[in-house]
Amino acid sequence: MTKTITFAIMHFAIAFAVVYAMTGSLLLGGAVALVEPALNTVAFHFHEKIWTRIEQARRNAKSAENLLHA
């Protein structure tokens, strides 16, 4: 869990630093540092669901192929 927390802190810091460097706005840097990781978390959830389906389909296809050649 420590690794996850430190990664999240790093992610927030990088997002803030990039936006602040580009805009000079503390408010915008802070907003992006909070919103971007939240949206990324939601996107990751759906990415994992899709990836799991792809992997399952590949396993099923391989199993079917093995049955045909057995």
N, C-alpha and C. Protein backbone atom coordinates (compact mmCIF):
# COMPACT_ATOMS: atom_id res chain seq x y z
N MET A 1 0.82 -1.20 0.00
CA MET A 1 0.00 0.00 0.00
C MET A 1 0.87 1.26 0.00
N THR A 2 2.02 1.20 0.63
CA THR A 2 2.91 2.35 0.67
C THR A 2 3.34 2.75 -0.73
N LYS A 3 3.64 1.75 -1.55
CA LYS A 3 4.06 2.03 -2.93
C LYS A 3 2.93 2.73 -3.69
N THR A 4 1.69 2.29 -3.50
CA THR A 4 0.54 2.90 -4.17
C THR A 4 0.37 4.35 -3.74
N ILE A 5 0.50 4.60 -2.46
CA ILE A 5 0.34 5.96 -1.94
C ILE A 5 1.44 6.88 -2.47
N THR A 6 2.69 6.40 -2.44
CA THR A 6 3.78 7.24 -2.94
C THR A 6 3.65 7.48 -4.44
N PHE A 7 3.15 6.49 -5.18
CA PHE A 7 2.93 6.69 -6.61
C PHE A 7 1.85 7.74 -6.84
N ALA A 8 0.77 7.69 -6.06
CA ALA A 8 -0.30 8.68 -6.19
C ALA A 8 0.22 10.09 -5.89
N ILE A 9 1.01 10.23 -4.85
CA ILE A 9 1.59 11.53 -4.51
C ILE A 9 2.46 12.03 -5.66
N MET A 10 3.28 11.15 -6.21
CA MET A 10 4.12 11.52 -7.33
C MET A 10 3.27 11.96 -8.53
N HIS A 11 2.20 11.22 -8.79
CA HIS A 11 1.31 11.53 -9.91
C HIS A 11 0.69 12.91 -9.72
N PHE A 12 0.16 13.19 -8.54
CA PHE A 12 -0.41 14.51 -8.25
C PHE A 12 0.63 15.61 -8.44
N ALA A 13 1.83 15.38 -7.91
CA ALA A 13 2.89 16.39 -7.98
C ALA A 13 3.29 16.68 -9.42
N ILE A 14 3.42 15.64 -10.23
CA ILE A 14 3.79 15.84 -11.63
C ILE A 14 2.69 16.58 -12.38
N ALA A 15 1.45 16.16 -12.18
CA ALA A 15 0.33 16.83 -12.85
C ALA A 15 0.29 18.31 -12.46
N PHE A 16 0.44 18.59 -11.18
CA PHE A 16 0.44 19.97 -10.71
C PHE A 16 1.59 20.75 -11.33
N ALA A 17 2.80 20.19 -11.27
CA ALA A 17 3.99 20.89 -11.75
C ALA A 17 3.90 21.21 -13.24
N VAL A 18 3.43 20.27 -14.03
CA VAL A 18 3.33 20.49 -15.48
C VAL A 18 2.34 21.61 -15.78
N VAL A 19 1.16 21.55 -15.18
CA VAL A 19 0.14 22.57 -15.46
C VAL A 19 0.58 23.92 -14.90
N TYR A 20 1.16 23.93 -13.73
CA TYR A 20 1.64 25.19 -13.16
C TYR A 20 2.73 25.80 -14.04
N ALA A 21 3.66 24.98 -14.51
CA ALA A 21 4.74 25.47 -15.37
C ALA A 21 4.18 26.04 -16.68
N MET A 22 3.12 25.44 -17.18
CA MET A 22 2.55 25.89 -18.45
C MET A 22 1.66 27.12 -18.29
N THR A 23 1.01 27.26 -17.14
CA THR A 23 0.02 28.33 -16.98
C THR A 23 0.39 29.36 -15.91
N GLY A 24 1.20 28.98 -14.95
CA GLY A 24 1.51 29.87 -13.84
C GLY A 24 0.37 29.98 -12.83
N SER A 25 -0.65 29.15 -12.98
CA SER A 25 -1.83 29.22 -12.12
C SER A 25 -1.81 28.11 -11.08
N LEU A 26 -1.79 28.52 -9.80
CA LEU A 26 -1.88 27.53 -8.72
C LEU A 26 -3.24 26.84 -8.73
N LEU A 27 -4.29 27.62 -8.99
CA LEU A 27 -5.65 27.07 -9.00
C LEU A 27 -5.80 26.03 -10.11
N LEU A 28 -5.37 26.36 -11.30
CA LEU A 28 -5.49 25.43 -12.42
C LEU A 28 -4.60 24.20 -12.19
N GLY A 29 -3.39 24.42 -11.70
CA GLY A 29 -2.49 23.30 -11.40
C GLY A 29 -3.10 22.36 -10.38
N GLY A 30 -3.69 22.93 -9.33
CA GLY A 30 -4.33 22.11 -8.30
C GLY A 30 -5.54 21.37 -8.82
N ALA A 31 -6.35 22.05 -9.63
CA ALA A 31 -7.55 21.41 -10.18
C ALA A 31 -7.18 20.23 -11.08
N VAL A 32 -6.23 20.44 -11.95
CA VAL A 32 -5.82 19.35 -12.85
C VAL A 32 -5.18 18.22 -12.06
N ALA A 33 -4.41 18.56 -11.04
CA ALA A 33 -3.76 17.53 -10.22
C ALA A 33 -4.78 16.64 -9.52
N LEU A 34 -5.97 17.15 -9.27
CA LEU A 34 -7.02 16.35 -8.64
C LEU A 34 -7.92 15.66 -9.66
N VAL A 35 -8.28 16.36 -10.72
CA VAL A 35 -9.24 15.82 -11.69
C VAL A 35 -8.61 14.75 -12.58
N GLU A 36 -7.40 15.00 -13.08
CA GLU A 36 -6.77 14.06 -14.01
C GLU A 36 -6.59 12.67 -13.41
N PRO A 37 -6.05 12.52 -12.20
CA PRO A 37 -5.93 11.18 -11.63
C PRO A 37 -7.28 10.51 -11.39
N ALA A 38 -8.28 11.29 -11.02
CA ALA A 38 -9.61 10.71 -10.80
C ALA A 38 -10.17 10.15 -12.11
N LEU A 39 -10.06 10.92 -13.18
CA LEU A 39 -10.52 10.43 -14.49
C LEU A 39 -9.70 9.24 -14.96
N ASN A 40 -8.41 9.29 -14.70
CA ASN A 40 -7.53 8.18 -15.06
C ASN A 40 -7.93 6.90 -14.34
N THR A 41 -8.34 7.02 -13.09
CA THR A 41 -8.77 5.86 -12.31
C THR A 41 -10.02 5.23 -12.91
N VAL A 42 -10.97 6.05 -13.31
CA VAL A 42 -12.19 5.54 -13.95
C VAL A 42 -11.84 4.88 -15.28
N ALA A 43 -11.01 5.54 -16.08
CA ALA A 43 -10.61 4.98 -17.37
C ALA A 43 -9.88 3.65 -17.18
N PHE A 44 -9.03 3.57 -16.15
CA PHE A 44 -8.29 2.34 -15.88
C PHE A 44 -9.24 1.19 -15.56
N HIS A 45 -10.29 1.47 -14.82
CA HIS A 45 -11.28 0.45 -14.48
C HIS A 45 -11.85 -0.18 -15.76
N PHE A 46 -12.27 0.67 -16.69
CA PHE A 46 -12.85 0.15 -17.93
C PHE A 46 -11.80 -0.52 -18.81
N HIS A 47 -10.59 0.02 -18.79
CA HIS A 47 -9.48 -0.60 -19.54
C HIS A 47 -9.25 -2.03 -19.04
N GLU A 48 -9.25 -2.21 -17.74
CA GLU A 48 -9.05 -3.54 -17.16
C GLU A 48 -10.17 -4.50 -17.53
N LYS A 49 -11.41 -4.01 -17.53
CA LYS A 49 -12.55 -4.87 -17.90
C LYS A 49 -12.41 -5.32 -19.36
N ILE A 50 -12.08 -4.39 -20.23
CA ILE A 50 -11.91 -4.73 -21.65
C ILE A 50 -10.74 -5.69 -21.83
N TRP A 51 -9.62 -5.40 -21.15
CA TRP A 51 -8.43 -6.24 -21.27
C TRP A 51 -8.72 -7.66 -20.78
N THR A 52 -9.48 -7.80 -19.71
CA THR A 52 -9.85 -9.11 -19.19
C THR A 52 -10.67 -9.88 -20.21
N ARG A 53 -11.60 -9.21 -20.88
CA ARG A 53 -12.40 -9.87 -21.92
C ARG A 53 -11.54 -10.33 -23.09
N ILE A 54 -10.58 -9.50 -23.49
CA ILE A 54 -9.68 -9.87 -24.59
C ILE A 54 -8.86 -11.10 -24.20
N GLU A 55 -8.30 -11.09 -23.00
CA GLU A 55 -7.51 -12.23 -22.55
C GLU A 55 -8.35 -13.50 -22.47
N GLN A 56 -9.58 -13.38 -21.98
CA GLN A 56 -10.47 -14.54 -21.89
C GLN A 56 -10.79 -15.07 -23.29
N ALA A 57 -11.05 -14.18 -24.23
CA ALA A 57 -11.34 -14.60 -25.60
C ALA A 57 -10.14 -15.33 -26.20
N ARG A 58 -8.95 -14.83 -25.93
CA ARG A 58 -7.73 -15.50 -26.43
C ARG A 58 -7.57 -16.89 -25.82
N ARG A 59 -7.83 -16.99 -24.51
CA ARG A 59 -7.74 -18.30 -23.85
C ARG A 59 -8.77 -19.27 -24.42
N ASN A 60 -9.99 -18.78 -24.64
CA ASN A 60 -11.04 -19.63 -25.20
C ASN A 60 -10.68 -20.09 -26.61
N ALA A 61 -10.13 -19.20 -27.41
CA ALA A 61 -9.75 -19.55 -28.78
C ALA A 61 -8.63 -20.59 -28.76
N LYS A 62 -7.67 -20.41 -27.85
CA LYS A 62 -6.56 -21.36 -27.75
C LYS A 62 -7.07 -22.73 -27.29
N SER A 63 -8.01 -22.75 -26.33
CA SER A 63 -8.58 -24.01 -25.86
C SER A 63 -9.33 -24.71 -26.98
N ALA A 64 -10.10 -23.95 -27.75
CA ALA A 64 -10.85 -24.54 -28.87
C ALA A 64 -9.89 -25.10 -29.91
N GLU A 65 -8.81 -24.38 -30.16
CA GLU A 65 -7.82 -24.84 -31.14
C GLU A 65 -7.15 -26.12 -30.65
N ASN A 66 -6.83 -26.18 -29.38
CA ASN A 66 -6.21 -27.38 -28.81
C ASN A 66 -7.15 -28.58 -28.88
N LEU A 67 -8.44 -28.36 -28.67
CA LEU A 67 -9.41 -29.45 -28.76
C LEU A 67 -9.52 -29.98 -30.19
N LEU A 68 -9.45 -29.07 -31.16
CA LEU A 68 -9.55 -29.49 -32.56
C LEU A 68 -8.34 -30.29 -33.01
N HIS A 69 -7.18 -29.99 -32.44
CA HIS A 69 -5.96 -30.67 -32.85
C HIS A 69 -5.57 -31.83 -31.94
N ALA A 70 -6.42 -32.15 -31.01
CA ALA A 70 -6.09 -33.22 -30.06
C ALA A 70 -6.42 -34.58 -30.63
